[in-house]
Amino acid sequence: MIEVKVLGPGCARCKRLEQLAHEAATQAGVEVNVTHVHDMAAILAYPIVSTPGLVINEKLVSSARIPQKDEIVAWLKEAV
């Protein structure tokens, strides 16, 4: 199972990224465990520039933007 973390305080952009992560996992046909990290100290443990951030298997793949669903699908397929 792929571990996915959405980093952010819970704003609309963060919630949208979380939704996209679920949709991308379905499209990619992979099982994911999506966690939304709200704690600022935990967020800052990653080399993040700004929220929202997306972490796949403990690797920061995106920050400060909402990636396209196709990008997330590709990252998830790489993580398999």
PDB file of N, CA and C in Angstrom:
ATOM      1  N   MET A   1       0.846  -1.181   0.000  1.00  0.00           N
ATOM      2  CA  MET A   1       0.000   0.000   0.000  1.00  0.00           C
ATOM      3  C   MET A   1       0.888   1.241   0.000  1.00  0.00           C
ATOM      4  N   ILE A   2       0.503   2.215  -0.782  1.00  0.00           N
ATOM      5  CA  ILE A   2       1.259   3.462  -0.906  1.00  0.00           C
ATOM      6  C   ILE A   2       0.775   4.445   0.155  1.00  0.00           C
ATOM      7  N   GLU A   3       1.722   5.034   0.860  1.00  0.00           N
ATOM      8  CA  GLU A   3       1.399   6.047   1.873  1.00  0.00           C
ATOM      9  C   GLU A   3       1.426   7.427   1.232  1.00  0.00           C
ATOM     10  N   VAL A   4       0.314   8.137   1.318  1.00  0.00           N
ATOM     11  CA  VAL A   4       0.190   9.475   0.756  1.00  0.00           C
ATOM     12  C   VAL A   4      -0.157  10.434   1.886  1.00  0.00           C
ATOM     13  N   LYS A   5       0.557  11.569   1.930  1.00  0.00           N
ATOM     14  CA  LYS A   5       0.255  12.588   2.932  1.00  0.00           C
ATOM     15  C   LYS A   5      -0.014  13.910   2.224  1.00  0.00           C
ATOM     16  N   VAL A   6      -1.087  14.555   2.636  1.00  0.00           N
ATOM     17  CA  VAL A   6      -1.385  15.908   2.187  1.00  0.00           C
ATOM     18  C   VAL A   6      -0.977  16.819   3.331  1.00  0.00           C
ATOM     19  N   LEU A   7      -0.087  17.760   3.034  1.00  0.00           N
ATOM     20  CA  LEU A   7       0.409  18.674   4.058  1.00  0.00           C
ATOM     21  C   LEU A   7      -0.313  20.006   3.935  1.00  0.00           C
ATOM     22  N   GLY A   8      -0.952  20.438   5.008  1.00  0.00           N
ATOM     23  CA  GLY A   8      -1.633  21.724   4.979  1.00  0.00           C
ATOM     24  C   GLY A   8      -2.587  21.894   6.141  1.00  0.00           C
ATOM     25  N   PRO A   9      -2.973  23.133   6.390  1.00  0.00           N
ATOM     26  CA  PRO A   9      -3.796  23.442   7.552  1.00  0.00           C
ATOM     27  C   PRO A   9      -5.258  23.020   7.433  1.00  0.00           C
ATOM     28  N   GLY A  10      -5.696  22.635   6.251  1.00  0.00           N
ATOM     29  CA  GLY A  10      -7.091  22.234   6.085  1.00  0.00           C
ATOM     30  C   GLY A  10      -7.888  23.227   5.260  1.00  0.00           C
ATOM     31  N   CYS A  11      -7.190  24.059   4.514  1.00  0.00           N
ATOM     32  CA  CYS A  11      -7.855  25.044   3.655  1.00  0.00           C
ATOM     33  C   CYS A  11      -8.509  24.347   2.459  1.00  0.00           C
ATOM     34  N   ALA A  12      -9.231  25.096   1.657  1.00  0.00           N
ATOM     35  CA  ALA A  12      -9.926  24.530   0.504  1.00  0.00           C
ATOM     36  C   ALA A  12      -8.941  23.900  -0.483  1.00  0.00           C
ATOM     37  N   ARG A  13      -7.773  24.514  -0.664  1.00  0.00           N
ATOM     38  CA  ARG A  13      -6.765  23.961  -1.588  1.00  0.00           C
ATOM     39  C   ARG A  13      -6.251  22.615  -1.079  1.00  0.00           C
ATOM     40  N   CYS A  14      -6.044  22.504   0.216  1.00  0.00           N
ATOM     41  CA  CYS A  14      -5.575  21.246   0.807  1.00  0.00           C
ATOM     42  C   CYS A  14      -6.625  20.153   0.655  1.00  0.00           C
ATOM     43  N   LYS A  15      -7.868  20.509   0.886  1.00  0.00           N
ATOM     44  CA  LYS A  15      -8.957  19.539   0.750  1.00  0.00           C
ATOM     45  C   LYS A  15      -9.102  19.081  -0.701  1.00  0.00           C
ATOM     46  N   ARG A  16      -8.917  20.010  -1.631  1.00  0.00           N
ATOM     47  CA  ARG A  16      -8.983  19.665  -3.055  1.00  0.00           C
ATOM     48  C   ARG A  16      -7.860  18.697  -3.420  1.00  0.00           C
ATOM     49  N   LEU A  17      -6.654  18.933  -2.901  1.00  0.00           N
ATOM     50  CA  LEU A  17      -5.531  18.042  -3.174  1.00  0.00           C
ATOM     51  C   LEU A  17      -5.791  16.651  -2.608  1.00  0.00           C
ATOM     52  N   GLU A  18      -6.371  16.586  -1.429  1.00  0.00           N
ATOM     53  CA  GLU A  18      -6.703  15.291  -0.834  1.00  0.00           C
ATOM     54  C   GLU A  18      -7.700  14.536  -1.715  1.00  0.00           C
ATOM     55  N   GLN A  19      -8.700  15.241  -2.212  1.00  0.00           N
ATOM     56  CA  GLN A  19      -9.695  14.643  -3.098  1.00  0.00           C
ATOM     57  C   GLN A  19      -9.028  14.142  -4.381  1.00  0.00           C
ATOM     58  N   LEU A  20      -8.137  14.956  -4.954  1.00  0.00           N
ATOM     59  CA  LEU A  20      -7.430  14.559  -6.168  1.00  0.00           C
ATOM     60  C   LEU A  20      -6.568  13.321  -5.941  1.00  0.00           C
ATOM     61  N   ALA A  21      -5.959  13.220  -4.773  1.00  0.00           N
ATOM     62  CA  ALA A  21      -5.123  12.055  -4.454  1.00  0.00           C
ATOM     63  C   ALA A  21      -5.966  10.781  -4.461  1.00  0.00           C
ATOM     64  N   HIS A  22      -7.156  10.846  -3.888  1.00  0.00           N
ATOM     65  CA  HIS A  22      -8.055   9.683  -3.893  1.00  0.00           C
ATOM     66  C   HIS A  22      -8.479   9.333  -5.325  1.00  0.00           C
ATOM     67  N   GLU A  23      -8.840  10.354  -6.108  1.00  0.00           N
ATOM     68  CA  GLU A  23      -9.267  10.126  -7.491  1.00  0.00           C
ATOM     69  C   GLU A  23      -8.128   9.540  -8.317  1.00  0.00           C
ATOM     70  N   ALA A  24      -6.911  10.059  -8.116  1.00  0.00           N
ATOM     71  CA  ALA A  24      -5.747   9.576  -8.865  1.00  0.00           C
ATOM     72  C   ALA A  24      -5.439   8.126  -8.519  1.00  0.00           C
ATOM     73  N   ALA A  25      -5.596   7.765  -7.260  1.00  0.00           N
ATOM     74  CA  ALA A  25      -5.347   6.386  -6.844  1.00  0.00           C
ATOM     75  C   ALA A  25      -6.334   5.437  -7.523  1.00  0.00           C
ATOM     76  N   THR A  26      -7.577   5.848  -7.591  1.00  0.00           N
ATOM     77  CA  THR A  26      -8.589   5.039  -8.272  1.00  0.00           C
ATOM     78  C   THR A  26      -8.248   4.892  -9.748  1.00  0.00           C
ATOM     79  N   GLN A  27      -7.859   6.000 -10.369  1.00  0.00           N
ATOM     80  CA  GLN A  27      -7.510   5.981 -11.792  1.00  0.00           C
ATOM     81  C   GLN A  27      -6.270   5.119 -12.045  1.00  0.00           C
ATOM     82  N   ALA A  28      -5.303   5.172 -11.132  1.00  0.00           N
ATOM     83  CA  ALA A  28      -4.064   4.402 -11.287  1.00  0.00           C
ATOM     84  C   ALA A  28      -4.253   2.937 -10.911  1.00  0.00           C
ATOM     85  N   GLY A  29      -5.332   2.638 -10.208  1.00  0.00           N
ATOM     86  CA  GLY A  29      -5.594   1.269  -9.796  1.00  0.00           C
ATOM     87  C   GLY A  29      -4.673   0.786  -8.690  1.00  0.00           C
ATOM     88  N   VAL A  30      -4.306   1.710  -7.790  1.00  0.00           N
ATOM     89  CA  VAL A  30      -3.419   1.348  -6.682  1.00  0.00           C
ATOM     90  C   VAL A  30      -4.111   1.626  -5.355  1.00  0.00           C
ATOM     91  N   GLU A  31      -3.688   0.889  -4.329  1.00  0.00           N
ATOM     92  CA  GLU A  31      -4.228   1.105  -2.990  1.00  0.00           C
ATOM     93  C   GLU A  31      -3.375   2.150  -2.284  1.00  0.00           C
ATOM     94  N   VAL A  32      -4.036   3.122  -1.691  1.00  0.00           N
ATOM     95  CA  VAL A  32      -3.324   4.174  -0.968  1.00  0.00           C
ATOM     96  C   VAL A  32      -3.936   4.372   0.409  1.00  0.00           C
ATOM     97  N   ASN A  33      -3.118   4.866   1.295  1.00  0.00           N
ATOM     98  CA  ASN A  33      -3.576   5.320   2.599  1.00  0.00           C
ATOM     99  C   ASN A  33      -3.288   6.813   2.631  1.00  0.00           C
ATOM    100  N   VAL A  34      -4.333   7.628   2.545  1.00  0.00           N
ATOM    101  CA  VAL A  34      -4.163   9.081   2.499  1.00  0.00           C
ATOM    102  C   VAL A  34      -4.357   9.654   3.894  1.00  0.00           C
ATOM    103  N   THR A  35      -3.359  10.421   4.337  1.00  0.00           N
ATOM    104  CA  THR A  35      -3.397  11.089   5.632  1.00  0.00           C
ATOM    105  C   THR A  35      -3.268  12.585   5.400  1.00  0.00           C
ATOM    106  N   HIS A  36      -4.083  13.355   6.092  1.00  0.00           N
ATOM    107  CA  HIS A  36      -3.974  14.817   6.012  1.00  0.00           C
ATOM    108  C   HIS A  36      -3.223  15.285   7.252  1.00  0.00           C
ATOM    109  N   VAL A  37      -2.047  15.869   7.047  1.00  0.00           N
ATOM    110  CA  VAL A  37      -1.207  16.331   8.145  1.00  0.00           C
ATOM    111  C   VAL A  37      -1.480  17.815   8.371  1.00  0.00           C
ATOM    112  N   HIS A  38      -2.024  18.134   9.544  1.00  0.00           N
ATOM    113  CA  HIS A  38      -2.356  19.516   9.891  1.00  0.00           C
ATOM    114  C   HIS A  38      -1.306  20.170  10.793  1.00  0.00           C
ATOM    115  N   ASP A  39      -0.556  19.358  11.524  1.00  0.00           N
ATOM    116  CA  ASP A  39       0.407  19.855  12.506  1.00  0.00           C
ATOM    117  C   ASP A  39       1.573  20.559  11.819  1.00  0.00           C
ATOM    118  N   MET A  40       1.777  21.842  12.153  1.00  0.00           N
ATOM    119  CA  MET A  40       2.789  22.637  11.467  1.00  0.00           C
ATOM    120  C   MET A  40       4.199  22.091  11.689  1.00  0.00           C
ATOM    121  N   ALA A  41       4.498  21.581  12.862  1.00  0.00           N
ATOM    122  CA  ALA A  41       5.823  21.012  13.123  1.00  0.00           C
ATOM    123  C   ALA A  41       6.055  19.792  12.232  1.00  0.00           C
ATOM    124  N   ALA A  42       5.042  18.971  12.058  1.00  0.00           N
ATOM    125  CA  ALA A  42       5.159  17.788  11.191  1.00  0.00           C
ATOM    126  C   ALA A  42       5.295  18.207   9.728  1.00  0.00           C
ATOM    127  N   ILE A  43       4.577  19.247   9.338  1.00  0.00           N
ATOM    128  CA  ILE A  43       4.670  19.756   7.961  1.00  0.00           C
ATOM    129  C   ILE A  43       6.074  20.275   7.682  1.00  0.00           C
ATOM    130  N   LEU A  44       6.620  21.017   8.632  1.00  0.00           N
ATOM    131  CA  LEU A  44       7.943  21.614   8.440  1.00  0.00           C
ATOM    132  C   LEU A  44       9.077  20.590   8.514  1.00  0.00           C
ATOM    133  N   ALA A  45       8.769  19.345   8.856  1.00  0.00           N
ATOM    134  CA  ALA A  45       9.779  18.289   8.830  1.00  0.00           C
ATOM    135  C   ALA A  45      10.144  17.932   7.385  1.00  0.00           C
ATOM    136  N   TYR A  46       9.313  18.343   6.439  1.00  0.00           N
ATOM    137  CA  TYR A  46       9.568  18.119   5.010  1.00  0.00           C
ATOM    138  C   TYR A  46      10.120  19.410   4.407  1.00  0.00           C
ATOM    139  N   PRO A  47      10.872  19.316   3.308  1.00  0.00           N
ATOM    140  CA  PRO A  47      11.432  20.518   2.674  1.00  0.00           C
ATOM    141  C   PRO A  47      10.369  21.263   1.850  1.00  0.00           C
ATOM    142  N   ILE A  48       9.317  21.681   2.518  1.00  0.00           N
ATOM    143  CA  ILE A  48       8.172  22.298   1.841  1.00  0.00           C
ATOM    144  C   ILE A  48       8.340  23.815   1.789  1.00  0.00           C
ATOM    145  N   VAL A  49       7.996  24.391   0.650  1.00  0.00           N
ATOM    146  CA  VAL A  49       8.066  25.834   0.461  1.00  0.00           C
ATOM    147  C   VAL A  49       6.795  26.492   0.991  1.00  0.00           C
ATOM    148  N   SER A  50       5.667  25.908   0.612  1.00  0.00           N
ATOM    149  CA  SER A  50       4.362  26.424   1.001  1.00  0.00           C
ATOM    150  C   SER A  50       3.347  25.297   0.861  1.00  0.00           C
ATOM    151  N   THR A  51       2.226  25.425   1.555  1.00  0.00           N
ATOM    152  CA  THR A  51       1.181  24.417   1.432  1.00  0.00           C
ATOM    153  C   THR A  51       0.287  24.756   0.255  1.00  0.00           C
ATOM    154  N   PRO A  52      -0.413  23.813  -0.312  1.00  0.00           N
ATOM    155  CA  PRO A  52      -0.444  22.418   0.090  1.00  0.00           C
ATOM    156  C   PRO A  52       0.775  21.649  -0.415  1.00  0.00           C
ATOM    157  N   GLY A  53       1.075  20.580   0.299  1.00  0.00           N
ATOM    158  CA  GLY A  53       2.171  19.713  -0.103  1.00  0.00           C
ATOM    159  C   GLY A  53       1.663  18.297  -0.265  1.00  0.00           C
ATOM    160  N   LEU A  54       2.347  17.550  -1.120  1.00  0.00           N
ATOM    161  CA  LEU A  54       1.974  16.156  -1.347  1.00  0.00           C
ATOM    162  C   LEU A  54       3.209  15.284  -1.164  1.00  0.00           C
ATOM    163  N   VAL A  55       3.070  14.290  -0.285  1.00  0.00           N
ATOM    164  CA  VAL A  55       4.160  13.371   0.020  1.00  0.00           C
ATOM    165  C   VAL A  55       3.698  11.963  -0.349  1.00  0.00           C
ATOM    166  N   ILE A  56       4.534  11.254  -1.111  1.00  0.00           N
ATOM    167  CA  ILE A  56       4.233   9.872  -1.487  1.00  0.00           C
ATOM    168  C   ILE A  56       5.376   9.002  -0.987  1.00  0.00           C
ATOM    169  N   ASN A  57       5.040   8.055  -0.108  1.00  0.00           N
ATOM    170  CA  ASN A  57       6.044   7.180   0.504  1.00  0.00           C
ATOM    171  C   ASN A  57       7.223   7.982   1.068  1.00  0.00           C
ATOM    172  N   GLU A  58       6.887   9.023   1.818  1.00  0.00           N
ATOM    173  CA  GLU A  58       7.849   9.884   2.529  1.00  0.00           C
ATOM    174  C   GLU A  58       8.727  10.736   1.610  1.00  0.00           C
ATOM    175  N   LYS A  59       8.338  10.861   0.344  1.00  0.00           N
ATOM    176  CA  LYS A  59       9.069  11.727  -0.583  1.00  0.00           C
ATOM    177  C   LYS A  59       8.156  12.887  -0.980  1.00  0.00           C
ATOM    178  N   LEU A  60       8.605  14.116  -0.733  1.00  0.00           N
ATOM    179  CA  LEU A  60       7.833  15.290  -1.127  1.00  0.00           C
ATOM    180  C   LEU A  60       7.866  15.399  -2.645  1.00  0.00           C
ATOM    181  N   VAL A  61       6.702  15.332  -3.277  1.00  0.00           N
ATOM    182  CA  VAL A  61       6.642  15.393  -4.736  1.00  0.00           C
ATOM    183  C   VAL A  61       6.074  16.708  -5.243  1.00  0.00           C
ATOM    184  N   SER A  62       5.405  17.456  -4.371  1.00  0.00           N
ATOM    185  CA  SER A  62       4.804  18.720  -4.794  1.00  0.00           C
ATOM    186  C   SER A  62       4.592  19.617  -3.588  1.00  0.00           C
ATOM    187  N   SER A  63       4.819  20.914  -3.792  1.00  0.00           N
ATOM    188  CA  SER A  63       4.480  21.886  -2.744  1.00  0.00           C
ATOM    189  C   SER A  63       4.100  23.206  -3.390  1.00  0.00           C
ATOM    190  N   ALA A  64       3.295  23.961  -2.682  1.00  0.00           N
ATOM    191  CA  ALA A  64       2.870  25.314  -3.076  1.00  0.00           C
ATOM    192  C   ALA A  64       1.941  25.348  -4.282  1.00  0.00           C
ATOM    193  N   ARG A  65       1.404  24.189  -4.678  1.00  0.00           N
ATOM    194  CA  ARG A  65       0.476  24.169  -5.816  1.00  0.00           C
ATOM    195  C   ARG A  65      -0.380  22.917  -5.750  1.00  0.00           C
ATOM    196  N   ILE A  66      -1.427  22.911  -6.551  1.00  0.00           N
ATOM    197  CA  ILE A  66      -2.254  21.727  -6.686  1.00  0.00           C
ATOM    198  C   ILE A  66      -1.875  21.083  -8.026  1.00  0.00           C
ATOM    199  N   PRO A  67      -1.195  19.940  -7.978  1.00  0.00           N
ATOM    200  CA  PRO A  67      -0.802  19.292  -9.237  1.00  0.00           C
ATOM    201  C   PRO A  67      -2.014  18.746  -9.987  1.00  0.00           C
ATOM    202  N   GLN A  68      -1.827  18.536 -11.279  1.00  0.00           N
ATOM    203  CA  GLN A  68      -2.870  17.929 -12.100  1.00  0.00           C
ATOM    204  C   GLN A  68      -3.041  16.467 -11.682  1.00  0.00           C
ATOM    205  N   LYS A  69      -4.241  15.953 -11.858  1.00  0.00           N
ATOM    206  CA  LYS A  69      -4.513  14.565 -11.482  1.00  0.00           C
ATOM    207  C   LYS A  69      -3.581  13.605 -12.225  1.00  0.00           C
ATOM    208  N   ASP A  70      -3.303  13.878 -13.506  1.00  0.00           N
ATOM    209  CA  ASP A  70      -2.416  13.010 -14.288  1.00  0.00           C
ATOM    210  C   ASP A  70      -1.009  12.958 -13.694  1.00  0.00           C
ATOM    211  N   GLU A  71      -0.544  14.074 -13.138  1.00  0.00           N
ATOM    212  CA  GLU A  71       0.764  14.093 -12.476  1.00  0.00           C
ATOM    213  C   GLU A  71       0.752  13.159 -11.261  1.00  0.00           C
ATOM    214  N   ILE A  72      -0.312  13.248 -10.479  1.00  0.00           N
ATOM    215  CA  ILE A  72      -0.419  12.417  -9.280  1.00  0.00           C
ATOM    216  C   ILE A  72      -0.488  10.940  -9.669  1.00  0.00           C
ATOM    217  N   VAL A  73      -1.232  10.632 -10.724  1.00  0.00           N
ATOM    218  CA  VAL A  73      -1.328   9.249 -11.206  1.00  0.00           C
ATOM    219  C   VAL A  73       0.069   8.733 -11.556  1.00  0.00           C
ATOM    220  N   ALA A  74       0.851   9.538 -12.270  1.00  0.00           N
ATOM    221  CA  ALA A  74       2.200   9.133 -12.661  1.00  0.00           C
ATOM    222  C   ALA A  74       3.080   8.901 -11.429  1.00  0.00           C
ATOM    223  N   TRP A  75       2.998   9.786 -10.442  1.00  0.00           N
ATOM    224  CA  TRP A  75       3.790   9.628  -9.219  1.00  0.00           C
ATOM    225  C   TRP A  75       3.398   8.368  -8.472  1.00  0.00           C
ATOM    226  N   LEU A  76       2.111   8.084  -8.428  1.00  0.00           N
ATOM    227  CA  LEU A  76       1.651   6.873  -7.743  1.00  0.00           C
ATOM    228  C   LEU A  76       2.124   5.613  -8.468  1.00  0.00           C
ATOM    229  N   LYS A  77       2.093   5.624  -9.785  1.00  0.00           N
ATOM    230  CA  LYS A  77       2.567   4.471 -10.546  1.00  0.00           C
ATOM    231  C   LYS A  77       4.062   4.256 -10.350  1.00  0.00           C
ATOM    232  N   GLU A  78       4.824   5.353 -10.227  1.00  0.00           N
ATOM    233  CA  GLU A  78       6.265   5.247  -9.963  1.00  0.00           C
ATOM    234  C   GLU A  78       6.523   4.637  -8.591  1.00  0.00           C
ATOM    235  N   ALA A  79       5.629   4.906  -7.646  1.00  0.00           N
ATOM    236  CA  ALA A  79       5.831   4.472  -6.264  1.00  0.00           C
ATOM    237  C   ALA A  79       5.506   2.996  -6.051  1.00  0.00           C
ATOM    238  N   VAL A  80       4.877   2.369  -7.019  1.00  0.00           N
ATOM    239  CA  VAL A  80       4.474   0.960  -6.861  1.00  0.00           C
ATOM    240  C   VAL A  80       5.702   0.061  -6.833  1.00  0.00           C
TER     241      VAL A  80
END
